[in-house]
Amino acid sequence: MDDDLTAIAKRSTQKLVFDHKDMDYYLSWIIGREETGGSLKEECLEAASRMIDGDCVSWQAAWIELAKRVESEAAEALHDGNKEQARSSYLRACTYFRAPLFIMDAQDVQFESLSQKMRFCFEQASQLFEPTIESIQVPFGDATLYGYIWKPDDTGIKRPTLIVIGGIETFAEDCYFMIGSKGMEVGYNVITVDLPGQGMNPKQGLFLEARSEIPIKAVVDYVVSRKEVDTEKIAFYGFSWGGHIVLRGAQYEPRIKALIANPATTNIFASALAQQKGHSKDDPIGRIVFEQVAWRFGVQLGQTFKRLVKGIGFLRFAKSNPKKIKCPTMCMAGDSEAKITLTQTRKCFEQLPNPKKRMEILTEEQGGSAHCQVDNLPLLHQLIFSWLSQVFE
């Protein structure tokens, strides 16, 4: 298997288990959640031992089997009154029900049911926190965007608030494990929402759009209405495709007081196209991932005209102008990412006008060279919250 042909985007140079680059990256992403209670490395590696390298079916089957077992353990612990163990197991079950979805066509009959099980397990866990994690619905035109708010306490005291926007494949629940739990620990409210195209929003006709400032405005409108939010200390963190979303949103939204883009991709269309040149069209995992991405855009791989129209929209509008971003901004990336990702991140930093800006390109020596630092979440958390404390002091 040629490694270079099995990655839809360059996200890591390290090998954990599999030769298939995307499959191995997704495994590292799942194991990385151990730092925030979302997995156990031993469970993940045991599941991986039952998978065939590059095989979608065995990937899905192993995770589903593990998810069902851990969910059963959670239910038993809850029945016995062991709330701490139940919460821990439900959080891991959430991850394991989510894991098959990385490499699954959204039209697969299991896709929706697994996403529902993922959400069920997270919501079961959310009621076992103190304070509980609150589900929220953000008004968006005639629809609503589902998400969560995680708070340090229920006092209603106004606090700095971090809004987390994930990537193209992301579910709102993912953001708890990526950074939400740490935010609560250091005294932040943390809010995350599935934007159009994310989560299961395509099922209700909400697809990824180039003008991401529109849903960003809806999220900020909701956030400033919350009594526990200090409106002078609202920060956005966008990871993966979310890095681009928050950059574009910030150039139109003055209520954003600090911004972290990871990576700081200013032209997402150019970045995406540049990373497809070496990818094999014969890779079954890559095709399934592309089919899911197409679903999130509201198109199918064979719909040439509709894809062309969408492509023109992204070519015109899916860009951000760093010179128009007025708030303090941190630009991040891992040095294992694609050359175009690193180039755009550095150029973005150079063009930002606010002197309270920072750039972090994380190396393999530091740990954290992978896309979104899934290989070292504690380092990611340290850098982000240390910088935010300086901005908001």
Protein backbone atom coordinates (compact mmCIF):
# COMPACT_ATOMS: atom_id res chain seq x y z
CA MET A 1 0.00 0.00 0.00
CA ASP A 2 1.47 3.37 -1.04
CA ASP A 3 1.16 5.67 1.98
CA ASP A 4 1.06 8.81 -0.14
CA LEU A 5 -2.06 7.62 -1.96
CA THR A 6 -4.14 6.94 1.17
CA ALA A 7 -4.53 10.42 2.65
CA ILE A 8 -7.25 12.80 1.48
CA ALA A 9 -5.25 15.54 3.23
CA LYS A 10 -1.80 15.60 4.79
CA ARG A 11 -2.46 15.55 8.53
CA SER A 12 0.37 13.58 10.13
CA THR A 13 3.69 11.94 9.28
CA GLN A 14 3.71 9.56 12.22
CA LYS A 15 2.46 5.98 12.09
CA LEU A 16 0.55 4.56 15.04
CA VAL A 17 -0.76 1.21 13.74
CA PHE A 18 -1.96 1.28 10.15
CA ASP A 19 -0.17 1.85 6.86
CA HIS A 20 -3.33 3.51 5.53
CA LYS A 21 -2.69 7.16 6.37
CA ASP A 22 -6.27 8.29 6.93
CA MET A 23 -7.21 5.21 8.92
CA ASP A 24 -4.15 5.69 11.13
CA TYR A 25 -4.88 9.39 11.63
CA TYR A 26 -8.45 8.67 12.70
CA LEU A 27 -7.16 6.09 15.18
CA SER A 28 -4.73 8.63 16.65
CA TRP A 29 -7.60 11.14 16.88
CA ILE A 30 -9.67 8.64 18.86
CA ILE A 31 -6.80 7.61 21.16
CA GLY A 32 -5.97 11.28 21.73
CA ARG A 33 -9.30 11.64 23.51
CA GLU A 34 -7.91 9.60 26.40
CA GLU A 35 -6.51 12.87 27.77
CA THR A 36 -10.06 14.20 28.22
CA GLY A 37 -11.80 10.99 29.26
CA GLY A 38 -13.06 10.02 25.82
CA SER A 39 -11.17 6.77 25.30
CA LEU A 40 -8.75 4.28 26.77
CA LYS A 41 -5.68 3.52 24.69
CA GLU A 42 -5.78 -0.16 25.61
CA GLU A 43 -9.39 -0.48 24.44
CA CYS A 44 -8.60 1.32 21.20
CA LEU A 45 -5.56 -0.79 20.38
CA GLU A 46 -7.47 -3.99 21.11
CA ALA A 47 -10.19 -2.84 18.71
CA ALA A 48 -7.53 -1.93 16.13
CA SER A 49 -6.07 -5.43 16.37
CA ARG A 50 -9.36 -6.74 14.96
CA MET A 51 -9.26 -4.41 11.95
CA ILE A 52 -7.82 -5.06 8.51
CA ASP A 53 -5.54 -2.27 7.32
CA GLY A 54 -7.43 -0.15 4.80
CA ASP A 55 -10.72 -2.02 5.28
CA CYS A 56 -13.89 -0.04 6.02
CA VAL A 57 -16.06 -2.95 7.18
CA SER A 58 -13.68 -4.24 9.85
CA TRP A 59 -13.09 -0.67 11.08
CA GLN A 60 -16.80 -0.15 11.60
CA ALA A 61 -17.47 -3.55 13.13
CA ALA A 62 -14.68 -3.36 15.72
CA TRP A 63 -15.73 0.06 16.98
CA ILE A 64 -19.42 -0.83 17.13
CA GLU A 65 -18.68 -3.96 19.15
CA LEU A 66 -16.55 -1.96 21.61
CA ALA A 67 -19.13 0.83 21.83
CA LYS A 68 -21.94 -1.56 22.73
CA ARG A 69 -19.85 -3.23 25.42
CA VAL A 70 -18.79 0.04 27.05
CA GLU A 71 -22.34 1.43 26.87
CA SER A 72 -23.56 -1.70 28.65
CA GLU A 73 -20.94 -1.15 31.37
CA ALA A 74 -22.12 2.46 31.71
CA ALA A 75 -25.77 1.45 32.10
CA GLU A 76 -24.85 -1.16 34.71
CA ALA A 77 -22.78 1.36 36.69
CA LEU A 78 -25.62 3.88 36.59
CA HIS A 79 -28.09 1.23 37.77
CA ASP A 80 -25.76 0.45 40.69
CA GLY A 81 -25.54 4.13 41.63
CA ASN A 82 -21.90 4.53 40.62
CA LYS A 83 -22.33 7.84 38.82
CA GLU A 84 -18.63 8.57 38.33
CA GLN A 85 -18.00 5.23 36.63
CA ALA A 86 -21.18 5.61 34.59
CA ARG A 87 -20.11 9.04 33.37
CA SER A 88 -16.66 7.78 32.43
CA SER A 89 -18.06 4.83 30.50
CA TYR A 90 -20.73 6.87 28.73
CA LEU A 91 -18.09 9.34 27.54
CA ARG A 92 -16.00 6.52 26.09
CA ALA A 93 -19.05 4.89 24.53
CA CYS A 94 -19.83 8.23 22.90
CA THR A 95 -16.40 8.19 21.26
CA TYR A 96 -16.66 4.58 20.16
CA PHE A 97 -20.09 5.06 18.57
CA ARG A 98 -18.67 8.11 16.83
CA ALA A 99 -15.54 6.33 15.55
CA PRO A 100 -17.20 4.27 12.76
CA LEU A 101 -18.70 7.46 11.31
CA PHE A 102 -15.28 8.67 10.15
CA ILE A 103 -15.24 5.97 7.49
CA MET A 104 -18.92 5.50 6.67
CA ASP A 105 -21.10 6.76 3.85
CA ALA A 106 -23.79 9.05 5.26
CA GLN A 107 -26.34 7.09 3.21
CA ASP A 108 -25.44 3.89 5.08
CA VAL A 109 -28.43 2.71 7.13
CA GLN A 110 -26.24 2.67 10.26
CA PHE A 111 -24.99 6.25 9.95
CA GLU A 112 -27.94 8.00 11.54
CA SER A 113 -28.54 5.36 14.22
CA LEU A 114 -24.89 5.43 15.29
CA SER A 115 -24.92 9.22 15.47
CA GLN A 116 -28.02 8.98 17.66
CA LYS A 117 -26.30 6.47 19.94
CA MET A 118 -23.26 8.76 20.13
CA ARG A 119 -25.47 11.67 21.19
CA PHE A 120 -27.46 9.54 23.62
CA CYS A 121 -24.30 8.41 25.41
CA PHE A 122 -22.96 11.95 25.60
CA GLU A 123 -26.25 13.28 26.95
CA GLN A 124 -26.35 10.49 29.53
CA ALA A 125 -22.87 11.52 30.65
CA SER A 126 -23.79 15.21 30.57
CA GLN A 127 -26.39 14.70 33.30
CA LEU A 128 -23.75 13.17 35.57
CA PHE A 129 -21.55 16.27 35.66
CA GLU A 130 -21.80 18.96 38.34
CA PRO A 131 -23.09 21.25 37.04
CA THR A 132 -24.78 19.32 34.27
CA ILE A 133 -23.87 20.04 30.65
CA GLU A 134 -26.73 21.94 29.05
CA SER A 135 -28.04 21.19 25.56
CA ILE A 136 -28.79 24.33 23.54
CA GLN A 137 -30.57 25.23 20.31
CA VAL A 138 -29.39 28.28 18.38
CA PRO A 139 -32.02 29.94 16.15
CA PHE A 140 -30.92 29.96 12.52
CA GLY A 141 -33.52 31.16 10.06
CA ASP A 142 -36.39 28.68 10.15
CA ALA A 143 -34.17 26.01 11.70
CA THR A 144 -32.11 25.54 14.85
CA LEU A 145 -28.49 24.54 15.36
CA TYR A 146 -27.90 21.99 18.11
CA GLY A 147 -25.10 22.32 20.62
CA TYR A 148 -24.00 22.50 24.24
CA ILE A 149 -22.82 24.90 26.91
CA TRP A 150 -20.37 23.71 29.56
CA LYS A 151 -20.03 25.95 32.63
CA PRO A 152 -17.69 25.89 35.64
CA ASP A 153 -20.68 26.39 37.95
CA ASP A 154 -24.33 27.49 38.07
CA THR A 155 -23.80 30.80 39.88
CA GLY A 156 -24.60 32.87 36.79
CA ILE A 157 -21.41 34.90 37.28
CA LYS A 158 -20.28 36.45 33.99
CA ARG A 159 -17.25 34.61 32.69
CA PRO A 160 -15.00 34.55 29.65
CA THR A 161 -16.54 32.30 27.04
CA LEU A 162 -14.89 30.13 24.40
CA ILE A 163 -16.95 29.19 21.35
CA VAL A 164 -15.59 26.10 19.63
CA ILE A 165 -16.18 25.46 15.92
CA GLY A 166 -15.12 22.10 14.53
CA GLY A 167 -14.28 20.87 11.08
CA ILE A 168 -16.11 19.45 8.13
CA GLU A 169 -16.56 15.99 9.71
CA THR A 170 -17.18 17.26 13.22
CA PHE A 171 -20.06 16.69 15.62
CA ALA A 172 -20.68 19.11 18.50
CA GLU A 173 -19.87 16.35 20.98
CA ASP A 174 -16.34 16.12 19.57
CA CYS A 175 -15.58 19.60 20.86
CA TYR A 176 -15.96 18.53 24.49
CA PHE A 177 -13.07 16.11 24.08
CA MET A 178 -10.97 18.45 21.95
CA ILE A 179 -11.01 21.38 24.38
CA GLY A 180 -14.34 21.83 26.18
CA SER A 181 -13.46 19.89 29.30
CA LYS A 182 -10.27 21.89 29.79
CA GLY A 183 -12.12 25.17 29.31
CA MET A 184 -14.45 24.39 32.21
CA GLU A 185 -11.46 23.44 34.35
CA VAL A 186 -9.79 26.84 33.87
CA GLY A 187 -12.95 28.88 34.46
CA TYR A 188 -14.42 29.39 30.99
CA ASN A 189 -17.89 28.83 29.70
CA VAL A 190 -17.51 26.71 26.58
CA ILE A 191 -20.14 26.67 23.84
CA THR A 192 -20.19 24.54 20.73
CA VAL A 193 -22.75 24.23 17.96
CA ASP A 194 -23.14 22.09 14.86
CA LEU A 195 -23.06 24.63 12.03
CA PRO A 196 -24.70 23.93 8.65
CA GLY A 197 -23.07 20.86 7.13
CA GLN A 198 -21.78 19.59 10.47
CA GLY A 199 -23.22 16.86 12.67
CA MET A 200 -26.49 15.60 11.19
CA ASN A 201 -27.54 19.01 9.88
CA PRO A 202 -27.51 17.89 6.22
CA LYS A 203 -30.51 15.68 7.14
CA GLN A 204 -32.53 18.87 7.70
CA GLY A 205 -31.24 20.51 4.54
CA LEU A 206 -28.51 22.59 6.21
CA PHE A 207 -25.34 22.23 4.15
CA LEU A 208 -21.85 23.71 4.29
CA GLU A 209 -21.76 27.14 2.72
CA ALA A 210 -18.99 29.47 1.69
CA ARG A 211 -20.33 32.49 3.61
CA SER A 212 -19.61 31.11 7.05
CA GLU A 213 -20.04 34.54 8.64
CA ILE A 214 -23.82 34.00 8.46
CA PRO A 215 -24.04 31.08 10.93
CA ILE A 216 -21.24 32.63 13.01
CA LYS A 217 -23.42 35.73 13.51
CA ALA A 218 -26.32 33.53 14.61
CA VAL A 219 -24.10 31.81 17.18
CA VAL A 220 -22.79 35.12 18.56
CA ASP A 221 -26.35 36.50 18.75
CA TYR A 222 -27.26 33.54 20.92
CA VAL A 223 -24.12 33.67 23.05
CA VAL A 224 -24.49 37.35 24.00
CA SER A 225 -28.03 36.63 25.20
CA ARG A 226 -26.72 34.32 27.93
CA LYS A 227 -26.52 35.91 31.37
CA GLU A 228 -23.31 34.05 32.31
CA VAL A 229 -21.35 35.40 29.33
CA ASP A 230 -18.95 38.33 29.70
CA THR A 231 -19.51 39.93 26.31
CA GLU A 232 -16.11 41.64 26.46
CA LYS A 233 -14.39 38.27 26.72
CA ILE A 234 -15.78 36.17 23.88
CA ALA A 235 -13.22 34.03 22.08
CA PHE A 236 -13.56 31.67 19.13
CA TYR A 237 -11.51 28.54 18.57
CA GLY A 238 -11.81 26.87 15.18
CA PHE A 239 -10.03 23.62 14.39
CA SER A 240 -9.56 21.89 11.05
CA TRP A 241 -12.05 23.41 8.54
CA GLY A 242 -13.29 25.40 11.54
CA GLY A 243 -10.05 27.38 11.44
CA HIS A 244 -11.16 28.85 8.14
CA ILE A 245 -14.75 29.34 9.36
CA VAL A 246 -13.72 31.43 12.36
CA LEU A 247 -11.26 33.53 10.34
CA ARG A 248 -13.95 34.51 7.87
CA GLY A 249 -16.49 35.01 10.64
CA ALA A 250 -14.17 37.30 12.61
CA GLN A 251 -13.67 39.74 9.77
CA TYR A 252 -17.42 40.47 9.86
CA GLU A 253 -18.15 40.06 13.58
CA PRO A 254 -16.80 42.78 15.94
CA ARG A 255 -18.19 41.05 19.04
CA ILE A 256 -15.44 38.43 18.76
CA LYS A 257 -12.70 39.64 21.12
CA ALA A 258 -10.10 36.91 20.54
CA LEU A 259 -9.58 34.24 17.92
CA ILE A 260 -7.62 31.01 17.55
CA ALA A 261 -7.47 29.41 14.09
CA ASN A 262 -5.99 25.91 13.91
CA PRO A 263 -4.89 25.90 11.14
CA ALA A 264 -5.22 29.47 9.89
CA THR A 265 -6.44 28.54 6.41
CA THR A 266 -7.41 31.71 4.58
CA ASN A 267 -8.35 30.07 1.26
CA ILE A 268 -9.99 26.76 2.03
CA PHE A 269 -10.85 25.97 -1.60
CA ALA A 270 -7.24 26.31 -2.77
CA SER A 271 -6.01 24.32 0.21
CA ALA A 272 -8.44 21.46 -0.37
CA LEU A 273 -7.67 21.20 -4.08
CA ALA A 274 -3.90 21.29 -3.58
CA GLN A 275 -4.02 18.26 -1.28
CA GLN A 276 -5.91 16.00 -3.69
CA LYS A 277 -3.23 15.73 -6.38
CA GLY A 278 -1.55 12.64 -4.98
CA HIS A 279 -4.62 10.84 -3.66
CA SER A 280 -5.63 7.58 -5.32
CA LYS A 281 -9.16 7.45 -6.72
CA ASP A 282 -9.03 3.68 -6.13
CA ASP A 283 -8.74 4.03 -2.35
CA PRO A 284 -12.09 2.77 -0.92
CA ILE A 285 -11.71 4.64 2.37
CA GLY A 286 -10.95 7.87 0.55
CA ARG A 287 -14.01 7.45 -1.64
CA ILE A 288 -16.29 6.88 1.36
CA VAL A 289 -14.86 9.94 3.10
CA PHE A 290 -15.35 12.02 -0.06
CA GLU A 291 -18.95 10.79 -0.36
CA GLN A 292 -19.64 11.91 3.20
CA VAL A 293 -18.03 15.29 2.55
CA ALA A 294 -20.12 15.68 -0.61
CA TRP A 295 -23.24 14.93 1.47
CA ARG A 296 -22.23 17.71 3.85
CA PHE A 297 -22.06 20.09 0.88
CA GLY A 298 -25.45 18.94 -0.37
CA VAL A 299 -24.12 17.26 -3.50
CA GLN A 300 -23.22 13.78 -4.73
CA LEU A 301 -19.97 12.79 -6.39
CA GLY A 302 -21.69 12.23 -9.73
CA GLN A 303 -23.61 15.52 -9.79
CA THR A 304 -21.20 17.47 -11.97
CA PHE A 305 -23.29 20.62 -12.47
CA LYS A 306 -24.34 20.95 -8.83
CA ARG A 307 -20.75 20.39 -7.73
CA LEU A 308 -19.61 23.04 -10.20
CA VAL A 309 -22.08 25.58 -8.81
CA LYS A 310 -20.97 24.82 -5.25
CA GLY A 311 -17.34 25.02 -6.31
CA ILE A 312 -17.82 28.44 -7.88
CA GLY A 313 -19.42 29.67 -4.65
CA PHE A 314 -16.49 28.48 -2.58
CA LEU A 315 -14.01 29.85 -5.09
CA ARG A 316 -15.63 33.29 -4.75
CA PHE A 317 -16.48 33.45 -1.07
CA ALA A 318 -14.58 30.83 0.94
CA LYS A 319 -11.71 33.17 1.64
CA SER A 320 -10.78 35.37 4.56
CA ASN A 321 -8.85 38.62 4.56
CA PRO A 322 -6.60 38.73 7.64
CA LYS A 323 -6.15 42.50 7.22
CA LYS A 324 -9.83 42.92 8.18
CA ILE A 325 -9.59 40.90 11.39
CA LYS A 326 -9.27 43.41 14.21
CA CYS A 327 -9.21 41.19 17.30
CA PRO A 328 -6.14 39.49 18.81
CA THR A 329 -5.53 36.28 16.87
CA MET A 330 -3.48 33.13 17.35
CA CYS A 331 -2.56 31.19 14.20
CA MET A 332 -1.70 27.52 14.74
CA ALA A 333 -0.66 24.46 12.74
CA GLY A 334 1.38 21.30 13.10
CA ASP A 335 4.50 21.03 10.99
CA SER A 336 3.39 17.60 9.73
CA GLU A 337 0.56 19.27 7.84
CA ALA A 338 0.55 20.08 4.14
CA LYS A 339 2.89 22.73 2.76
CA ILE A 340 -0.04 24.88 1.61
CA THR A 341 -1.53 24.75 5.12
CA LEU A 342 1.70 26.00 6.67
CA THR A 343 2.15 28.66 3.99
CA GLN A 344 -1.36 30.03 4.48
CA THR A 345 -0.99 29.99 8.28
CA ARG A 346 2.25 31.99 8.15
CA LYS A 347 0.87 34.49 5.61
CA CYS A 348 -2.25 34.95 7.71
CA PHE A 349 -0.15 35.77 10.76
CA GLU A 350 1.95 38.28 8.82
CA GLN A 351 -1.11 40.19 7.60
CA LEU A 352 -2.97 40.46 10.91
CA PRO A 353 -3.07 44.10 12.06
CA ASN A 354 -3.56 43.59 15.82
CA PRO A 355 -0.19 43.54 17.67
CA LYS A 356 -1.60 40.99 20.13
CA LYS A 357 -1.10 38.19 17.66
CA ARG A 358 0.77 34.93 17.98
CA MET A 359 1.82 32.05 15.77
CA GLU A 360 2.49 28.48 16.89
CA ILE A 361 3.78 25.90 14.41
CA LEU A 362 4.17 22.80 16.54
CA THR A 363 6.93 20.29 15.83
CA GLU A 364 7.30 16.56 16.19
CA GLU A 365 9.92 17.16 18.89
CA GLN A 366 7.38 19.11 20.95
CA GLY A 367 4.67 16.59 20.29
CA GLY A 368 1.75 18.17 18.53
CA SER A 369 2.87 18.14 14.91
CA ALA A 370 -0.30 16.39 13.75
CA HIS A 371 -3.36 18.16 12.38
CA CYS A 372 -5.29 19.76 15.27
CA GLN A 373 -2.67 18.42 17.70
CA VAL A 374 -4.61 15.22 18.26
CA ASP A 375 -1.26 13.75 19.29
CA ASN A 376 -0.83 16.18 22.21
CA LEU A 377 -4.03 17.81 23.44
CA PRO A 378 -2.50 18.95 26.78
CA LEU A 379 0.05 21.07 24.89
CA LEU A 380 -2.72 22.52 22.73
CA HIS A 381 -4.74 23.44 25.82
CA GLN A 382 -1.73 25.00 27.55
CA LEU A 383 -0.92 27.23 24.57
CA ILE A 384 -4.49 28.38 23.97
CA PHE A 385 -5.50 29.19 27.52
CA SER A 386 -2.15 30.75 28.40
CA TRP A 387 -2.52 33.10 25.43
CA LEU A 388 -6.17 33.87 26.19
CA SER A 389 -5.29 34.74 29.79
CA GLN A 390 -2.85 37.34 28.47
CA VAL A 391 -5.39 38.76 26.02
CA PHE A 392 -8.18 38.99 28.59
CA GLU A 393 -6.14 40.11 31.63
